[in-house]
């Protein structure tokens, strides 16, 4: 009987050692798989951030181009407004002179007539 107990104990101990070894290998594989998943997720986030950065750069470039065009249009409109204002000022001056000339003509007509 003691041999049977020793054999059973050795068998149980061997089973326990194999189970622990299997569990250890399984846990190592699980850990490696999880590390790979985390690394892949981190790489995906890095790629996405890079894409977002590129998108922001493109949007910024487009906005800068539009702002340049707007500035050019504002400058052009400012020049046109200045020219228009100059024409208006000259027109007022001409109207004043016309009124003065009409008064002089009337005065001269009264003297003559």
N, C-alpha and C. Protein backbone atom coordinates (compact mmCIF):
# COMPACT_ATOMS: atom_id res chain seq x y z
N UNK A 1 0.78 -1.18 0.00
CA UNK A 1 0.00 0.00 0.00
C UNK A 1 0.84 1.27 0.00
N UNK A 2 1.92 1.32 0.73
CA UNK A 2 2.69 2.54 0.65
C UNK A 2 3.19 2.84 -0.76
N UNK A 3 3.46 1.83 -1.58
CA UNK A 3 3.89 2.10 -2.94
C UNK A 3 2.76 2.72 -3.75
N UNK A 4 1.58 2.29 -3.50
CA UNK A 4 0.44 2.86 -4.23
C UNK A 4 0.24 4.33 -3.83
N UNK A 5 0.43 4.60 -2.56
CA UNK A 5 0.29 5.97 -2.08
C UNK A 5 1.41 6.83 -2.68
N UNK A 6 2.61 6.31 -2.70
CA UNK A 6 3.73 7.06 -3.26
C UNK A 6 3.50 7.27 -4.76
N UNK A 7 3.03 6.24 -5.46
CA UNK A 7 2.76 6.35 -6.89
C UNK A 7 1.66 7.38 -7.13
N UNK A 8 0.61 7.32 -6.34
CA UNK A 8 -0.50 8.27 -6.48
C UNK A 8 -0.01 9.68 -6.18
N UNK A 9 0.83 9.82 -5.16
CA UNK A 9 1.35 11.15 -4.80
C UNK A 9 2.24 11.68 -5.93
N UNK A 10 3.09 10.82 -6.47
CA UNK A 10 3.95 11.23 -7.57
C UNK A 10 3.10 11.60 -8.78
N UNK A 11 2.08 10.80 -9.05
CA UNK A 11 1.19 11.08 -10.18
C UNK A 11 0.46 12.41 -9.98
N UNK A 12 -0.04 12.63 -8.76
CA UNK A 12 -0.74 13.88 -8.47
C UNK A 12 0.22 15.06 -8.57
N UNK A 13 1.44 14.89 -8.03
CA UNK A 13 2.43 15.96 -8.09
C UNK A 13 2.80 16.26 -9.54
N UNK A 14 2.97 15.22 -10.36
CA UNK A 14 3.30 15.40 -11.76
C UNK A 14 2.17 16.13 -12.48
N UNK A 15 0.93 15.71 -12.21
CA UNK A 15 -0.23 16.37 -12.81
C UNK A 15 -0.25 17.84 -12.41
N UNK A 16 0.02 18.09 -11.13
CA UNK A 16 0.03 19.47 -10.63
C UNK A 16 1.12 20.29 -11.33
N UNK A 17 2.32 19.71 -11.47
CA UNK A 17 3.43 20.41 -12.13
C UNK A 17 3.07 20.68 -13.59
N UNK A 18 2.51 19.70 -14.30
CA UNK A 18 2.13 19.89 -15.69
C UNK A 18 1.05 20.95 -15.80
N UNK A 19 0.07 20.91 -14.89
CA UNK A 19 -1.01 21.91 -14.91
C UNK A 19 -0.45 23.31 -14.67
N UNK A 20 0.46 23.43 -13.71
CA UNK A 20 1.07 24.74 -13.43
C UNK A 20 1.88 25.19 -14.64
N UNK A 21 2.63 24.29 -15.26
CA UNK A 21 3.41 24.63 -16.45
C UNK A 21 2.50 25.07 -17.59
N UNK A 22 1.41 24.32 -17.80
CA UNK A 22 0.45 24.68 -18.85
C UNK A 22 -0.18 26.05 -18.55
N UNK A 23 -0.56 26.24 -17.29
CA UNK A 23 -1.14 27.53 -16.90
C UNK A 23 -0.14 28.66 -17.13
N UNK A 24 1.13 28.41 -16.78
CA UNK A 24 2.17 29.43 -16.95
C UNK A 24 2.36 29.76 -18.44
N UNK A 25 2.41 28.75 -19.30
CA UNK A 25 2.57 28.97 -20.73
C UNK A 25 1.35 29.71 -21.29
N UNK A 26 0.16 29.30 -20.86
CA UNK A 26 -1.07 29.96 -21.31
C UNK A 26 -1.08 31.43 -20.89
N UNK A 27 -0.70 31.70 -19.66
CA UNK A 27 -0.66 33.08 -19.17
C UNK A 27 0.36 33.91 -19.93
N UNK A 28 1.51 33.30 -20.24
CA UNK A 28 2.54 34.01 -21.00
C UNK A 28 2.01 34.34 -22.39
N UNK A 29 1.36 33.39 -23.06
CA UNK A 29 0.78 33.63 -24.38
C UNK A 29 -0.29 34.71 -24.31
N UNK A 30 -1.13 34.64 -23.26
CA UNK A 30 -2.18 35.65 -23.07
C UNK A 30 -1.56 37.03 -22.88
N UNK A 31 -0.49 37.09 -22.06
CA UNK A 31 0.18 38.36 -21.81
C UNK A 31 0.80 38.91 -23.09
N UNK A 32 1.46 38.05 -23.86
CA UNK A 32 2.07 38.48 -25.12
C UNK A 32 0.99 38.97 -26.08
N UNK A 33 -0.12 38.22 -26.15
CA UNK A 33 -1.22 38.63 -27.03
C UNK A 33 -1.77 39.99 -26.60
N UNK A 34 -1.95 40.19 -25.31
CA UNK A 34 -2.45 41.49 -24.82
C UNK A 34 -1.46 42.60 -25.09
N UNK A 35 -0.17 42.33 -24.92
CA UNK A 35 0.84 43.35 -25.22
C UNK A 35 0.81 43.72 -26.70
N UNK A 36 0.64 42.73 -27.56
CA UNK A 36 0.55 42.99 -28.99
C UNK A 36 -0.69 43.83 -29.31
N UNK A 37 -1.80 43.49 -28.65
CA UNK A 37 -3.03 44.27 -28.87
C UNK A 37 -2.84 45.71 -28.42
N UNK A 38 -2.20 45.89 -27.28
CA UNK A 38 -1.96 47.25 -26.78
C UNK A 38 -1.02 47.99 -27.72
N UNK A 39 0.04 47.32 -28.17
CA UNK A 39 0.98 47.96 -29.11
C UNK A 39 0.26 48.34 -30.41
N UNK A 40 -0.57 47.45 -30.91
CA UNK A 40 -1.33 47.76 -32.14
C UNK A 40 -2.26 48.94 -31.92
N UNK A 41 -2.92 48.97 -30.76
CA UNK A 41 -3.82 50.10 -30.47
C UNK A 41 -3.05 51.40 -30.39
N UNK A 42 -1.88 51.37 -29.75
CA UNK A 42 -1.05 52.58 -29.65
C UNK A 42 -0.60 53.02 -31.03
N UNK A 43 -0.18 52.08 -31.87
CA UNK A 43 0.24 52.44 -33.23
C UNK A 43 -0.92 53.01 -34.03
N UNK A 44 -2.13 52.44 -33.86
CA UNK A 44 -3.30 52.97 -34.55
C UNK A 44 -3.58 54.41 -34.12
N UNK A 45 -3.48 54.66 -32.82
CA UNK A 45 -3.72 56.02 -32.31
C UNK A 45 -2.66 56.98 -32.87
N UNK A 46 -1.40 56.52 -32.92
CA UNK A 46 -0.34 57.38 -33.47
C UNK A 46 -0.62 57.70 -34.94
N UNK A 47 -1.05 56.70 -35.70
CA UNK A 47 -1.37 56.94 -37.12
C UNK A 47 -2.52 57.92 -37.25
N UNK A 48 -3.55 57.73 -36.42
CA UNK A 48 -4.72 58.61 -36.48
C UNK A 48 -4.34 60.04 -36.13
N UNK A 49 -3.50 60.19 -35.10
CA UNK A 49 -3.05 61.53 -34.71
C UNK A 49 -2.23 62.17 -35.83
N UNK A 50 -1.43 61.36 -36.50
CA UNK A 50 -0.65 61.88 -37.63
C UNK A 50 -1.58 62.34 -38.75
N UNK A 51 -2.63 61.55 -39.02
CA UNK A 51 -3.61 61.94 -40.04
C UNK A 51 -4.32 63.22 -39.65
N UNK A 52 -4.68 63.33 -38.37
CA UNK A 52 -5.37 64.55 -37.90
C UNK A 52 -4.44 65.75 -38.05
N UNK A 53 -3.16 65.55 -37.71
CA UNK A 53 -2.19 66.64 -37.83
C UNK A 53 -2.08 67.07 -39.29
N UNK A 54 -2.02 66.08 -40.21
CA UNK A 54 -1.96 66.41 -41.63
C UNK A 54 -3.21 67.16 -42.07
N UNK A 55 -4.39 66.70 -41.58
CA UNK A 55 -5.64 67.38 -41.94
C UNK A 55 -5.64 68.81 -41.44
N UNK A 56 -5.18 69.01 -40.21
CA UNK A 56 -5.14 70.37 -39.64
C UNK A 56 -4.19 71.24 -40.44
N UNK A 57 -3.06 70.67 -40.85
CA UNK A 57 -2.09 71.43 -41.65
C UNK A 57 -2.71 71.84 -42.98
N UNK A 58 -3.45 70.93 -43.61
CA UNK A 58 -4.10 71.24 -44.89
C UNK A 58 -5.17 72.31 -44.70
N UNK A 59 -5.96 72.17 -43.64
CA UNK A 59 -7.01 73.18 -43.37
C UNK A 59 -6.37 74.53 -43.11
N UNK A 60 -5.29 74.55 -42.32
CA UNK A 60 -4.61 75.81 -42.03
C UNK A 60 -4.08 76.44 -43.32
N UNK A 61 -3.52 75.63 -44.18
CA UNK A 61 -3.01 76.14 -45.46
C UNK A 61 -4.13 76.73 -46.29
N UNK A 62 -5.26 76.03 -46.35
CA UNK A 62 -6.42 76.52 -47.11
C UNK A 62 -6.94 77.83 -46.52
N UNK A 63 -7.02 77.88 -45.20
CA UNK A 63 -7.50 79.11 -44.54
C UNK A 63 -6.54 80.27 -44.85
N UNK A 64 -5.25 80.02 -44.80
CA UNK A 64 -4.27 81.06 -45.11
C UNK A 64 -4.42 81.56 -46.54
N UNK A 65 -4.68 80.64 -47.47
CA UNK A 65 -4.89 81.05 -48.87
C UNK A 65 -6.13 81.93 -48.99
N UNK A 66 -7.21 81.51 -48.33
CA UNK A 66 -8.44 82.30 -48.39
C UNK A 66 -8.25 83.67 -47.75
N UNK A 67 -7.51 83.72 -46.64
CA UNK A 67 -7.26 85.01 -46.00
C UNK A 67 -6.44 85.92 -46.91
N UNK A 68 -5.50 85.36 -47.63
CA UNK A 68 -4.70 86.16 -48.57
C UNK A 68 -5.59 86.73 -49.67
N UNK A 69 -6.50 85.91 -50.17
CA UNK A 69 -7.42 86.38 -51.21
C UNK A 69 -8.33 87.47 -50.65
N UNK A 70 -8.83 87.27 -49.45
CA UNK A 70 -9.70 88.28 -48.82
C UNK A 70 -8.95 89.58 -48.63
N UNK A 71 -7.69 89.50 -48.16
CA UNK A 71 -6.88 90.71 -47.98
C UNK A 71 -6.71 91.44 -49.31
N UNK A 72 -6.43 90.69 -50.37
CA UNK A 72 -6.27 91.30 -51.69
C UNK A 72 -7.56 91.98 -52.13
N UNK A 73 -8.68 91.32 -51.92
CA UNK A 73 -9.97 91.91 -52.31
C UNK A 73 -10.27 93.16 -51.49
N UNK A 74 -9.96 93.12 -50.21
CA UNK A 74 -10.19 94.30 -49.37
C UNK A 74 -9.33 95.47 -49.85
N UNK A 75 -8.07 95.19 -50.17
CA UNK A 75 -7.19 96.24 -50.67
C UNK A 75 -7.74 96.83 -51.97
N UNK A 76 -8.19 95.94 -52.87
CA UNK A 76 -8.75 96.41 -54.14
C UNK A 76 -9.99 97.26 -53.91
N UNK A 77 -10.87 96.80 -53.03
CA UNK A 77 -12.08 97.58 -52.73
C UNK A 77 -11.74 98.91 -52.08
N UNK A 78 -10.73 98.92 -51.22
CA UNK A 78 -10.32 100.18 -50.59
C UNK A 78 -9.86 101.18 -51.64
N UNK A 79 -9.10 100.71 -52.61
CA UNK A 79 -8.66 101.60 -53.69
C UNK A 79 -9.85 102.14 -54.47
N UNK A 80 -10.81 101.28 -54.75
CA UNK A 80 -11.99 101.72 -55.50
C UNK A 80 -12.80 102.73 -54.70
N UNK A 81 -12.92 102.50 -53.40
CA UNK A 81 -13.66 103.44 -52.55
C UNK A 81 -12.95 104.79 -52.53
N UNK A 82 -11.62 104.76 -52.43
CA UNK A 82 -10.85 106.00 -52.44
C UNK A 82 -11.07 106.76 -53.75
N UNK A 83 -11.04 106.05 -54.87
CA UNK A 83 -11.29 106.69 -56.17
C UNK A 83 -12.70 107.27 -56.22
N UNK A 84 -13.66 106.50 -55.73
CA UNK A 84 -15.06 106.96 -55.74
C UNK A 84 -15.19 108.22 -54.89
N UNK A 85 -14.60 108.18 -53.70
CA UNK A 85 -14.67 109.35 -52.82
C UNK A 85 -14.02 110.56 -53.47
N UNK A 86 -12.94 110.36 -54.18
CA UNK A 86 -12.26 111.45 -54.87
C UNK A 86 -13.18 112.03 -55.95
N UNK A 87 -13.87 111.17 -56.70
CA UNK A 87 -14.80 111.64 -57.73
C UNK A 87 -15.93 112.44 -57.08
N UNK A 88 -16.45 111.95 -55.97
CA UNK A 88 -17.55 112.65 -55.28
C UNK A 88 -17.07 114.02 -54.82
N UNK A 89 -15.88 114.11 -54.23
CA UNK A 89 -15.36 115.39 -53.77
C UNK A 89 -15.19 116.36 -54.94
N UNK A 90 -14.67 115.85 -56.05
CA UNK A 90 -14.50 116.71 -57.23
C UNK A 90 -15.85 117.15 -57.78
N UNK A 91 -16.84 116.28 -57.74
CA UNK A 91 -18.18 116.63 -58.23
C UNK A 91 -18.79 117.74 -57.38
N UNK A 92 -18.64 117.63 -56.06
CA UNK A 92 -19.15 118.69 -55.19
C UNK A 92 -18.47 120.01 -55.50
N UNK A 93 -17.16 119.95 -55.71
CA UNK A 93 -16.42 121.17 -56.02
C UNK A 93 -16.91 121.77 -57.35
N UNK A 94 -17.14 120.90 -58.34
CA UNK A 94 -17.66 121.39 -59.63
C UNK A 94 -19.04 122.00 -59.47
N UNK A 95 -19.89 121.37 -58.63
CA UNK A 95 -21.24 121.92 -58.41
C UNK A 95 -21.15 123.30 -57.77
N UNK A 96 -20.24 123.48 -56.82
CA UNK A 96 -20.06 124.79 -56.18
C UNK A 96 -19.64 125.83 -57.22
N UNK A 97 -18.70 125.43 -58.06
CA UNK A 97 -18.24 126.36 -59.10
C UNK A 97 -19.38 126.69 -60.07
N UNK A 98 -20.19 125.69 -60.39
CA UNK A 98 -21.31 125.93 -61.31
C UNK A 98 -22.28 126.93 -60.70
N UNK A 99 -22.56 126.80 -59.41
CA UNK A 99 -23.46 127.75 -58.75
C UNK A 99 -22.85 129.14 -58.78
N UNK A 100 -21.56 129.26 -58.49
CA UNK A 100 -20.89 130.56 -58.52
C UNK A 100 -20.91 131.14 -59.93
N UNK A 101 -20.66 130.30 -60.92
CA UNK A 101 -20.67 130.78 -62.30
C UNK A 101 -22.07 131.25 -62.71
N UNK A 102 -23.09 130.51 -62.26
CA UNK A 102 -24.47 130.93 -62.57
C UNK A 102 -24.76 132.28 -61.93
N UNK A 103 -24.30 132.49 -60.70
CA UNK A 103 -24.51 133.78 -60.04
C UNK A 103 -23.77 134.90 -60.78
N UNK A 104 -22.56 134.63 -61.22
CA UNK A 104 -21.81 135.64 -61.97
C UNK A 104 -22.51 135.97 -63.29
N UNK A 105 -23.02 134.90 -63.94
CA UNK A 105 -23.72 135.14 -65.21
C UNK A 105 -24.94 136.03 -64.97
N UNK A 106 -25.70 135.76 -63.91
CA UNK A 106 -26.87 136.59 -63.60
C UNK A 106 -26.46 138.04 -63.32
N UNK A 107 -25.37 138.19 -62.55
CA UNK A 107 -24.90 139.54 -62.25
C UNK A 107 -24.50 140.28 -63.53
N UNK A 108 -23.78 139.56 -64.39
CA UNK A 108 -23.35 140.17 -65.65
C UNK A 108 -24.57 140.49 -66.53
N UNK A 109 -25.57 139.62 -66.55
CA UNK A 109 -26.78 139.88 -67.32
C UNK A 109 -27.51 141.09 -66.77
N UNK A 110 -27.53 141.24 -65.44
CA UNK A 110 -28.19 142.41 -64.86
C UNK A 110 -27.45 143.68 -65.21
N UNK A 111 -26.13 143.64 -65.24
CA UNK A 111 -25.38 144.81 -65.60
C UNK A 111 -25.59 145.17 -67.06
N UNK A 112 -25.61 144.15 -67.89
CA UNK A 112 -25.76 144.40 -69.32
C UNK A 112 -27.22 144.82 -69.62
N UNK A 113 -28.12 144.13 -69.06
CA UNK A 113 -29.49 144.31 -69.46
C UNK A 113 -30.27 145.26 -68.69
